[in-house]
Amino acid sequence: MGQLGEDFVKLVDGFVIETKDPKILDAISQLDRESRLLGISFYDMYCMILQDGTKYKSLVSEFRTYMNLKKPAAFVV
């Protein structure tokens, strides 16, 4: 995994750890279940929902806000 991938994983992990909103935590749990059912990594699934943005709108919105506050210089939203 390259530096960009590692930075993305750190951002997602930080977001998951820091989030307190029960609705967002439920969406993260659902996303985790779906990724396991599909046999792909949680981070790959997370990346897919960020690109699509239709199914988990509140999660995507919250993460984009978080990312804008915490992102390394390499990320642009």
PDB file of N, CA and C in Angstrom:
ATOM      1  N   MET A   1       0.853  -1.172   0.000  1.00  0.00           N
ATOM      2  CA  MET A   1       0.000   0.000   0.000  1.00  0.00           C
ATOM      3  C   MET A   1       0.893   1.228   0.000  1.00  0.00           C
ATOM      4  N   GLY A   2       0.539   2.167  -0.828  1.00  0.00           N
ATOM      5  CA  GLY A   2       1.303   3.400  -0.929  1.00  0.00           C
ATOM      6  C   GLY A   2       0.953   4.376   0.183  1.00  0.00           C
ATOM      7  N   GLN A   3       1.650   5.490   0.192  1.00  0.00           N
ATOM      8  CA  GLN A   3       1.446   6.502   1.230  1.00  0.00           C
ATOM      9  C   GLN A   3       0.019   7.043   1.210  1.00  0.00           C
ATOM     10  N   LEU A   4      -0.534   7.247   0.036  1.00  0.00           N
ATOM     11  CA  LEU A   4      -1.896   7.761  -0.074  1.00  0.00           C
ATOM     12  C   LEU A   4      -2.889   6.784   0.555  1.00  0.00           C
ATOM     13  N   GLY A   5      -2.708   5.489   0.285  1.00  0.00           N
ATOM     14  CA  GLY A   5      -3.565   4.468   0.877  1.00  0.00           C
ATOM     15  C   GLY A   5      -3.432   4.419   2.388  1.00  0.00           C
ATOM     16  N   GLU A   6      -2.208   4.530   2.873  1.00  0.00           N
ATOM     17  CA  GLU A   6      -1.978   4.532   4.322  1.00  0.00           C
ATOM     18  C   GLU A   6      -2.622   5.748   4.979  1.00  0.00           C
ATOM     19  N   ASP A   7      -2.517   6.901   4.328  1.00  0.00           N
ATOM     20  CA  ASP A   7      -3.147   8.114   4.859  1.00  0.00           C
ATOM     21  C   ASP A   7      -4.668   7.973   4.895  1.00  0.00           C
ATOM     22  N   PHE A   8      -5.234   7.345   3.864  1.00  0.00           N
ATOM     23  CA  PHE A   8      -6.679   7.128   3.825  1.00  0.00           C
ATOM     24  C   PHE A   8      -7.116   6.221   4.976  1.00  0.00           C
ATOM     25  N   VAL A   9      -6.382   5.137   5.195  1.00  0.00           N
ATOM     26  CA  VAL A   9      -6.704   4.208   6.280  1.00  0.00           C
ATOM     27  C   VAL A   9      -6.639   4.937   7.627  1.00  0.00           C
ATOM     28  N   LYS A  10      -5.630   5.767   7.822  1.00  0.00           N
ATOM     29  CA  LYS A  10      -5.502   6.525   9.077  1.00  0.00           C
ATOM     30  C   LYS A  10      -6.679   7.484   9.261  1.00  0.00           C
ATOM     31  N   LEU A  11      -7.092   8.136   8.182  1.00  0.00           N
ATOM     32  CA  LEU A  11      -8.237   9.048   8.265  1.00  0.00           C
ATOM     33  C   LEU A  11      -9.520   8.302   8.627  1.00  0.00           C
ATOM     34  N   VAL A  12      -9.757   7.179   7.968  1.00  0.00           N
ATOM     35  CA  VAL A  12     -10.957   6.392   8.252  1.00  0.00           C
ATOM     36  C   VAL A  12     -10.916   5.893   9.690  1.00  0.00           C
ATOM     37  N   ASP A  13      -9.783   5.349  10.118  1.00  0.00           N
ATOM     38  CA  ASP A  13      -9.656   4.860  11.487  1.00  0.00           C
ATOM     39  C   ASP A  13      -9.905   5.972  12.498  1.00  0.00           C
ATOM     40  N   GLY A  14      -9.315   7.138  12.262  1.00  0.00           N
ATOM     41  CA  GLY A  14      -9.523   8.271  13.159  1.00  0.00           C
ATOM     42  C   GLY A  14     -10.982   8.676  13.225  1.00  0.00           C
ATOM     43  N   PHE A  15     -11.631   8.716  12.072  1.00  0.00           N
ATOM     44  CA  PHE A  15     -13.053   9.066  12.018  1.00  0.00           C
ATOM     45  C   PHE A  15     -13.898   8.062  12.799  1.00  0.00           C
ATOM     46  N   VAL A  16     -13.635   6.777  12.587  1.00  0.00           N
ATOM     47  CA  VAL A  16     -14.397   5.725  13.276  1.00  0.00           C
ATOM     48  C   VAL A  16     -14.200   5.832  14.784  1.00  0.00           C
ATOM     49  N   ILE A  17     -12.977   6.071  15.216  1.00  0.00           N
ATOM     50  CA  ILE A  17     -12.680   6.152  16.651  1.00  0.00           C
ATOM     51  C   ILE A  17     -13.294   7.400  17.285  1.00  0.00           C
ATOM     52  N   GLU A  18     -13.240   8.518  16.583  1.00  0.00           N
ATOM     53  CA  GLU A  18     -13.678   9.794  17.155  1.00  0.00           C
ATOM     54  C   GLU A  18     -15.173  10.046  17.055  1.00  0.00           C
ATOM     55  N   THR A  19     -15.864   9.350  16.175  1.00  0.00           N
ATOM     56  CA  THR A  19     -17.286   9.623  15.962  1.00  0.00           C
ATOM     57  C   THR A  19     -18.108   9.199  17.170  1.00  0.00           C
ATOM     58  N   LYS A  20     -19.056  10.023  17.534  1.00  0.00           N
ATOM     59  CA  LYS A  20     -19.921   9.753  18.692  1.00  0.00           C
ATOM     60  C   LYS A  20     -21.395   9.625  18.293  1.00  0.00           C
ATOM     61  N   ASP A  21     -21.728  10.047  17.084  1.00  0.00           N
ATOM     62  CA  ASP A  21     -23.115  10.053  16.613  1.00  0.00           C
ATOM     63  C   ASP A  21     -23.609   8.615  16.413  1.00  0.00           C
ATOM     64  N   PRO A  22     -24.667   8.216  17.130  1.00  0.00           N
ATOM     65  CA  PRO A  22     -25.167   6.843  17.008  1.00  0.00           C
ATOM     66  C   PRO A  22     -25.588   6.472  15.588  1.00  0.00           C
ATOM     67  N   LYS A  23     -26.134   7.414  14.833  1.00  0.00           N
ATOM     68  CA  LYS A  23     -26.551   7.126  13.457  1.00  0.00           C
ATOM     69  C   LYS A  23     -25.338   6.843  12.572  1.00  0.00           C
ATOM     70  N   ILE A  24     -24.282   7.587  12.776  1.00  0.00           N
ATOM     71  CA  ILE A  24     -23.060   7.371  11.998  1.00  0.00           C
ATOM     72  C   ILE A  24     -22.432   6.039  12.406  1.00  0.00           C
ATOM     73  N   LEU A  25     -22.422   5.749  13.691  1.00  0.00           N
ATOM     74  CA  LEU A  25     -21.873   4.472  14.161  1.00  0.00           C
ATOM     75  C   LEU A  25     -22.676   3.295  13.605  1.00  0.00           C
ATOM     76  N   ASP A  26     -23.986   3.436  13.526  1.00  0.00           N
ATOM     77  CA  ASP A  26     -24.825   2.387  12.922  1.00  0.00           C
ATOM     78  C   ASP A  26     -24.485   2.205  11.436  1.00  0.00           C
ATOM     79  N   ALA A  27     -24.294   3.312  10.734  1.00  0.00           N
ATOM     80  CA  ALA A  27     -23.949   3.238   9.313  1.00  0.00           C
ATOM     81  C   ALA A  27     -22.587   2.559   9.122  1.00  0.00           C
ATOM     82  N   ILE A  28     -21.636   2.861  10.006  1.00  0.00           N
ATOM     83  CA  ILE A  28     -20.320   2.223   9.937  1.00  0.00           C
ATOM     84  C   ILE A  28     -20.447   0.729  10.173  1.00  0.00           C
ATOM     85  N   SER A  29     -21.272   0.339  11.138  1.00  0.00           N
ATOM     86  CA  SER A  29     -21.490  -1.090  11.411  1.00  0.00           C
ATOM     87  C   SER A  29     -22.112  -1.792  10.211  1.00  0.00           C
ATOM     88  N   GLN A  30     -23.090  -1.150   9.599  1.00  0.00           N
ATOM     89  CA  GLN A  30     -23.731  -1.722   8.415  1.00  0.00           C
ATOM     90  C   GLN A  30     -22.738  -1.862   7.274  1.00  0.00           C
ATOM     91  N   LEU A  31     -21.928  -0.848   7.089  1.00  0.00           N
ATOM     92  CA  LEU A  31     -20.905  -0.875   6.049  1.00  0.00           C
ATOM     93  C   LEU A  31     -19.908  -2.012   6.299  1.00  0.00           C
ATOM     94  N   ASP A  32     -19.534  -2.208   7.538  1.00  0.00           N
ATOM     95  CA  ASP A  32     -18.624  -3.298   7.893  1.00  0.00           C
ATOM     96  C   ASP A  32     -19.246  -4.660   7.579  1.00  0.00           C
ATOM     97  N   ARG A  33     -20.514  -4.822   7.925  1.00  0.00           N
ATOM     98  CA  ARG A  33     -21.210  -6.084   7.621  1.00  0.00           C
ATOM     99  C   ARG A  33     -21.272  -6.323   6.111  1.00  0.00           C
ATOM    100  N   GLU A  34     -21.622  -5.293   5.367  1.00  0.00           N
ATOM    101  CA  GLU A  34     -21.713  -5.422   3.908  1.00  0.00           C
ATOM    102  C   GLU A  34     -20.362  -5.781   3.290  1.00  0.00           C
ATOM    103  N   SER A  35     -19.298  -5.173   3.784  1.00  0.00           N
ATOM    104  CA  SER A  35     -17.978  -5.472   3.231  1.00  0.00           C
ATOM    105  C   SER A  35     -17.605  -6.924   3.489  1.00  0.00           C
ATOM    106  N   ARG A  36     -17.933  -7.430   4.684  1.00  0.00           N
ATOM    107  CA  ARG A  36     -17.638  -8.837   4.977  1.00  0.00           C
ATOM    108  C   ARG A  36     -18.457  -9.774   4.106  1.00  0.00           C
ATOM    109  N   LEU A  37     -19.721  -9.433   3.874  1.00  0.00           N
ATOM    110  CA  LEU A  37     -20.567 -10.263   3.015  1.00  0.00           C
ATOM    111  C   LEU A  37     -20.054 -10.291   1.575  1.00  0.00           C
ATOM    112  N   LEU A  38     -19.508  -9.179   1.120  1.00  0.00           N
ATOM    113  CA  LEU A  38     -18.975  -9.097  -0.236  1.00  0.00           C
ATOM    114  C   LEU A  38     -17.551  -9.642  -0.347  1.00  0.00           C
ATOM    115  N   GLY A  39     -16.917  -9.866   0.801  1.00  0.00           N
ATOM    116  CA  GLY A  39     -15.556 -10.393   0.796  1.00  0.00           C
ATOM    117  C   GLY A  39     -14.503  -9.377   0.404  1.00  0.00           C
ATOM    118  N   ILE A  40     -14.782  -8.103   0.682  1.00  0.00           N
ATOM    119  CA  ILE A  40     -13.788  -7.058   0.397  1.00  0.00           C
ATOM    120  C   ILE A  40     -13.433  -6.364   1.702  1.00  0.00           C
ATOM    121  N   SER A  41     -12.339  -5.645   1.689  1.00  0.00           N
ATOM    122  CA  SER A  41     -11.920  -4.972   2.914  1.00  0.00           C
ATOM    123  C   SER A  41     -12.879  -3.823   3.235  1.00  0.00           C
ATOM    124  N   PHE A  42     -12.951  -3.507   4.516  1.00  0.00           N
ATOM    125  CA  PHE A  42     -13.765  -2.392   4.981  1.00  0.00           C
ATOM    126  C   PHE A  42     -13.326  -1.100   4.286  1.00  0.00           C
ATOM    127  N   TYR A  43     -12.015  -0.928   4.120  1.00  0.00           N
ATOM    128  CA  TYR A  43     -11.498   0.303   3.515  1.00  0.00           C
ATOM    129  C   TYR A  43     -11.841   0.403   2.033  1.00  0.00           C
ATOM    130  N   ASP A  44     -11.830  -0.728   1.339  1.00  0.00           N
ATOM    131  CA  ASP A  44     -12.257  -0.721  -0.064  1.00  0.00           C
ATOM    132  C   ASP A  44     -13.733  -0.353  -0.171  1.00  0.00           C
ATOM    133  N   MET A  45     -14.539  -0.927   0.716  1.00  0.00           N
ATOM    134  CA  MET A  45     -15.969  -0.625   0.729  1.00  0.00           C
ATOM    135  C   MET A  45     -16.189   0.850   1.064  1.00  0.00           C
ATOM    136  N   TYR A  46     -15.440   1.355   2.026  1.00  0.00           N
ATOM    137  CA  TYR A  46     -15.551   2.750   2.431  1.00  0.00           C
ATOM    138  C   TYR A  46     -15.211   3.666   1.257  1.00  0.00           C
ATOM    139  N   CYS A  47     -14.170   3.316   0.539  1.00  0.00           N
ATOM    140  CA  CYS A  47     -13.772   4.089  -0.637  1.00  0.00           C
ATOM    141  C   CYS A  47     -14.881   4.080  -1.688  1.00  0.00           C
ATOM    142  N   MET A  48     -15.516   2.933  -1.879  1.00  0.00           N
ATOM    143  CA  MET A  48     -16.606   2.828  -2.857  1.00  0.00           C
ATOM    144  C   MET A  48     -17.783   3.714  -2.481  1.00  0.00           C
ATOM    145  N   ILE A  49     -18.161   3.752  -1.206  1.00  0.00           N
ATOM    146  CA  ILE A  49     -19.312   4.584  -0.828  1.00  0.00           C
ATOM    147  C   ILE A  49     -18.964   6.065  -0.916  1.00  0.00           C
ATOM    148  N   LEU A  50     -17.701   6.402  -0.693  1.00  0.00           N
ATOM    149  CA  LEU A  50     -17.298   7.798  -0.855  1.00  0.00           C
ATOM    150  C   LEU A  50     -17.394   8.230  -2.308  1.00  0.00           C
ATOM    151  N   GLN A  51     -17.065   7.337  -3.210  1.00  0.00           N
ATOM    152  CA  GLN A  51     -17.140   7.657  -4.634  1.00  0.00           C
ATOM    153  C   GLN A  51     -18.584   7.719  -5.113  1.00  0.00           C
ATOM    154  N   ASP A  52     -19.412   6.809  -4.611  1.00  0.00           N
ATOM    155  CA  ASP A  52     -20.813   6.762  -5.020  1.00  0.00           C
ATOM    156  C   ASP A  52     -21.615   7.850  -4.319  1.00  0.00           C
ATOM    157  N   GLY A  53     -21.556   7.876  -3.004  1.00  0.00           N
ATOM    158  CA  GLY A  53     -22.188   8.929  -2.217  1.00  0.00           C
ATOM    159  C   GLY A  53     -23.696   8.912  -2.138  1.00  0.00           C
ATOM    160  N   THR A  54     -24.374   7.873  -2.640  1.00  0.00           N
ATOM    161  CA  THR A  54     -25.838   7.885  -2.621  1.00  0.00           C
ATOM    162  C   THR A  54     -26.446   7.078  -1.472  1.00  0.00           C
ATOM    163  N   LYS A  55     -25.811   5.977  -1.085  1.00  0.00           N
ATOM    164  CA  LYS A  55     -26.427   5.109  -0.092  1.00  0.00           C
ATOM    165  C   LYS A  55     -26.203   5.592   1.342  1.00  0.00           C
ATOM    166  N   TYR A  56     -25.043   6.068   1.650  1.00  0.00           N
ATOM    167  CA  TYR A  56     -24.689   6.484   3.012  1.00  0.00           C
ATOM    168  C   TYR A  56     -24.425   7.985   3.046  1.00  0.00           C
ATOM    169  N   LYS A  57     -25.412   8.772   2.668  1.00  0.00           N
ATOM    170  CA  LYS A  57     -25.223  10.215   2.508  1.00  0.00           C
ATOM    171  C   LYS A  57     -24.728  10.903   3.776  1.00  0.00           C
ATOM    172  N   SER A  58     -25.329  10.589   4.925  1.00  0.00           N
ATOM    173  CA  SER A  58     -24.904  11.265   6.160  1.00  0.00           C
ATOM    174  C   SER A  58     -23.492  10.844   6.565  1.00  0.00           C
ATOM    175  N   LEU A  59     -23.160   9.570   6.382  1.00  0.00           N
ATOM    176  CA  LEU A  59     -21.819   9.086   6.689  1.00  0.00           C
ATOM    177  C   LEU A  59     -20.796   9.759   5.777  1.00  0.00           C
ATOM    178  N   VAL A  60     -21.092   9.825   4.501  1.00  0.00           N
ATOM    179  CA  VAL A  60     -20.190  10.463   3.542  1.00  0.00           C
ATOM    180  C   VAL A  60     -20.010  11.936   3.888  1.00  0.00           C
ATOM    181  N   SER A  61     -21.092  12.609   4.192  1.00  0.00           N
ATOM    182  CA  SER A  61     -21.038  14.029   4.532  1.00  0.00           C
ATOM    183  C   SER A  61     -20.188  14.267   5.786  1.00  0.00           C
ATOM    184  N   GLU A  62     -20.430  13.484   6.820  1.00  0.00           N
ATOM    185  CA  GLU A  62     -19.667  13.624   8.062  1.00  0.00           C
ATOM    186  C   GLU A  62     -18.188  13.319   7.840  1.00  0.00           C
ATOM    187  N   PHE A  63     -17.901  12.289   7.051  1.00  0.00           N
ATOM    188  CA  PHE A  63     -16.512  11.936   6.807  1.00  0.00           C
ATOM    189  C   PHE A  63     -15.807  13.024   6.001  1.00  0.00           C
ATOM    190  N   ARG A  64     -16.487  13.583   5.020  1.00  0.00           N
ATOM    191  CA  ARG A  64     -15.868  14.645   4.225  1.00  0.00           C
ATOM    192  C   ARG A  64     -15.549  15.860   5.102  1.00  0.00           C
ATOM    193  N   THR A  65     -16.429  16.185   6.027  1.00  0.00           N
ATOM    194  CA  THR A  65     -16.166  17.279   6.962  1.00  0.00           C
ATOM    195  C   THR A  65     -14.946  16.948   7.818  1.00  0.00           C
ATOM    196  N   TYR A  66     -14.918  15.724   8.348  1.00  0.00           N
ATOM    197  CA  TYR A  66     -13.796  15.274   9.160  1.00  0.00           C
ATOM    198  C   TYR A  66     -12.508  15.308   8.353  1.00  0.00           C
ATOM    199  N   MET A  67     -12.573  14.817   7.130  1.00  0.00           N
ATOM    200  CA  MET A  67     -11.400  14.750   6.278  1.00  0.00           C
ATOM    201  C   MET A  67     -10.848  16.141   5.982  1.00  0.00           C
ATOM    202  N   ASN A  68     -11.734  17.097   5.760  1.00  0.00           N
ATOM    203  CA  ASN A  68     -11.284  18.463   5.490  1.00  0.00           C
ATOM    204  C   ASN A  68     -10.564  19.063   6.691  1.00  0.00           C
ATOM    205  N   LEU A  69     -10.926  18.633   7.893  1.00  0.00           N
ATOM    206  CA  LEU A  69     -10.266  19.131   9.103  1.00  0.00           C
ATOM    207  C   LEU A  69      -8.932  18.427   9.363  1.00  0.00           C
ATOM    208  N   LYS A  70      -8.841  17.153   8.991  1.00  0.00           N
ATOM    209  CA  LYS A  70      -7.692  16.324   9.364  1.00  0.00           C
ATOM    210  C   LYS A  70      -6.798  15.895   8.230  1.00  0.00           C
ATOM    211  N   LYS A  71      -7.189  16.133   7.017  1.00  0.00           N
ATOM    212  CA  LYS A  71      -6.519  15.519   5.862  1.00  0.00           C
ATOM    213  C   LYS A  71      -5.060  15.930   5.714  1.00  0.00           C
ATOM    214  N   PRO A  72      -4.255  14.970   5.250  1.00  0.00           N
ATOM    215  CA  PRO A  72      -2.894  15.311   4.851  1.00  0.00           C
ATOM    216  C   PRO A  72      -2.954  16.157   3.578  1.00  0.00           C
ATOM    217  N   ALA A  73      -1.903  16.840   3.259  1.00  0.00           N
ATOM    218  CA  ALA A  73      -1.873  17.736   2.102  1.00  0.00           C
ATOM    219  C   ALA A  73      -2.160  16.998   0.783  1.00  0.00           C
ATOM    220  N   ALA A  74      -1.923  15.688   0.724  1.00  0.00           N
ATOM    221  CA  ALA A  74      -2.101  14.935  -0.521  1.00  0.00           C
ATOM    222  C   ALA A  74      -3.561  14.735  -0.882  1.00  0.00           C
ATOM    223  N   PHE A  75      -4.472  14.843   0.092  1.00  0.00           N
ATOM    224  CA  PHE A  75      -5.894  14.622  -0.179  1.00  0.00           C
ATOM    225  C   PHE A  75      -6.568  15.915  -0.576  1.00  0.00           C
ATOM    226  N   VAL A  76      -7.393  15.824  -1.591  1.00  0.00           N
ATOM    227  CA  VAL A  76      -8.177  16.975  -2.027  1.00  0.00           C
ATOM    228  C   VAL A  76      -9.605  16.500  -2.187  1.00  0.00           C
ATOM    229  N   VAL A  77     -10.558  17.199  -1.565  1.00  0.00           N
ATOM    230  CA  VAL A  77     -11.970  16.832  -1.667  1.00  0.00           C
ATOM    231  C   VAL A  77     -12.669  17.838  -2.534  1.00  0.00           C
TER     232      VAL A  77
END
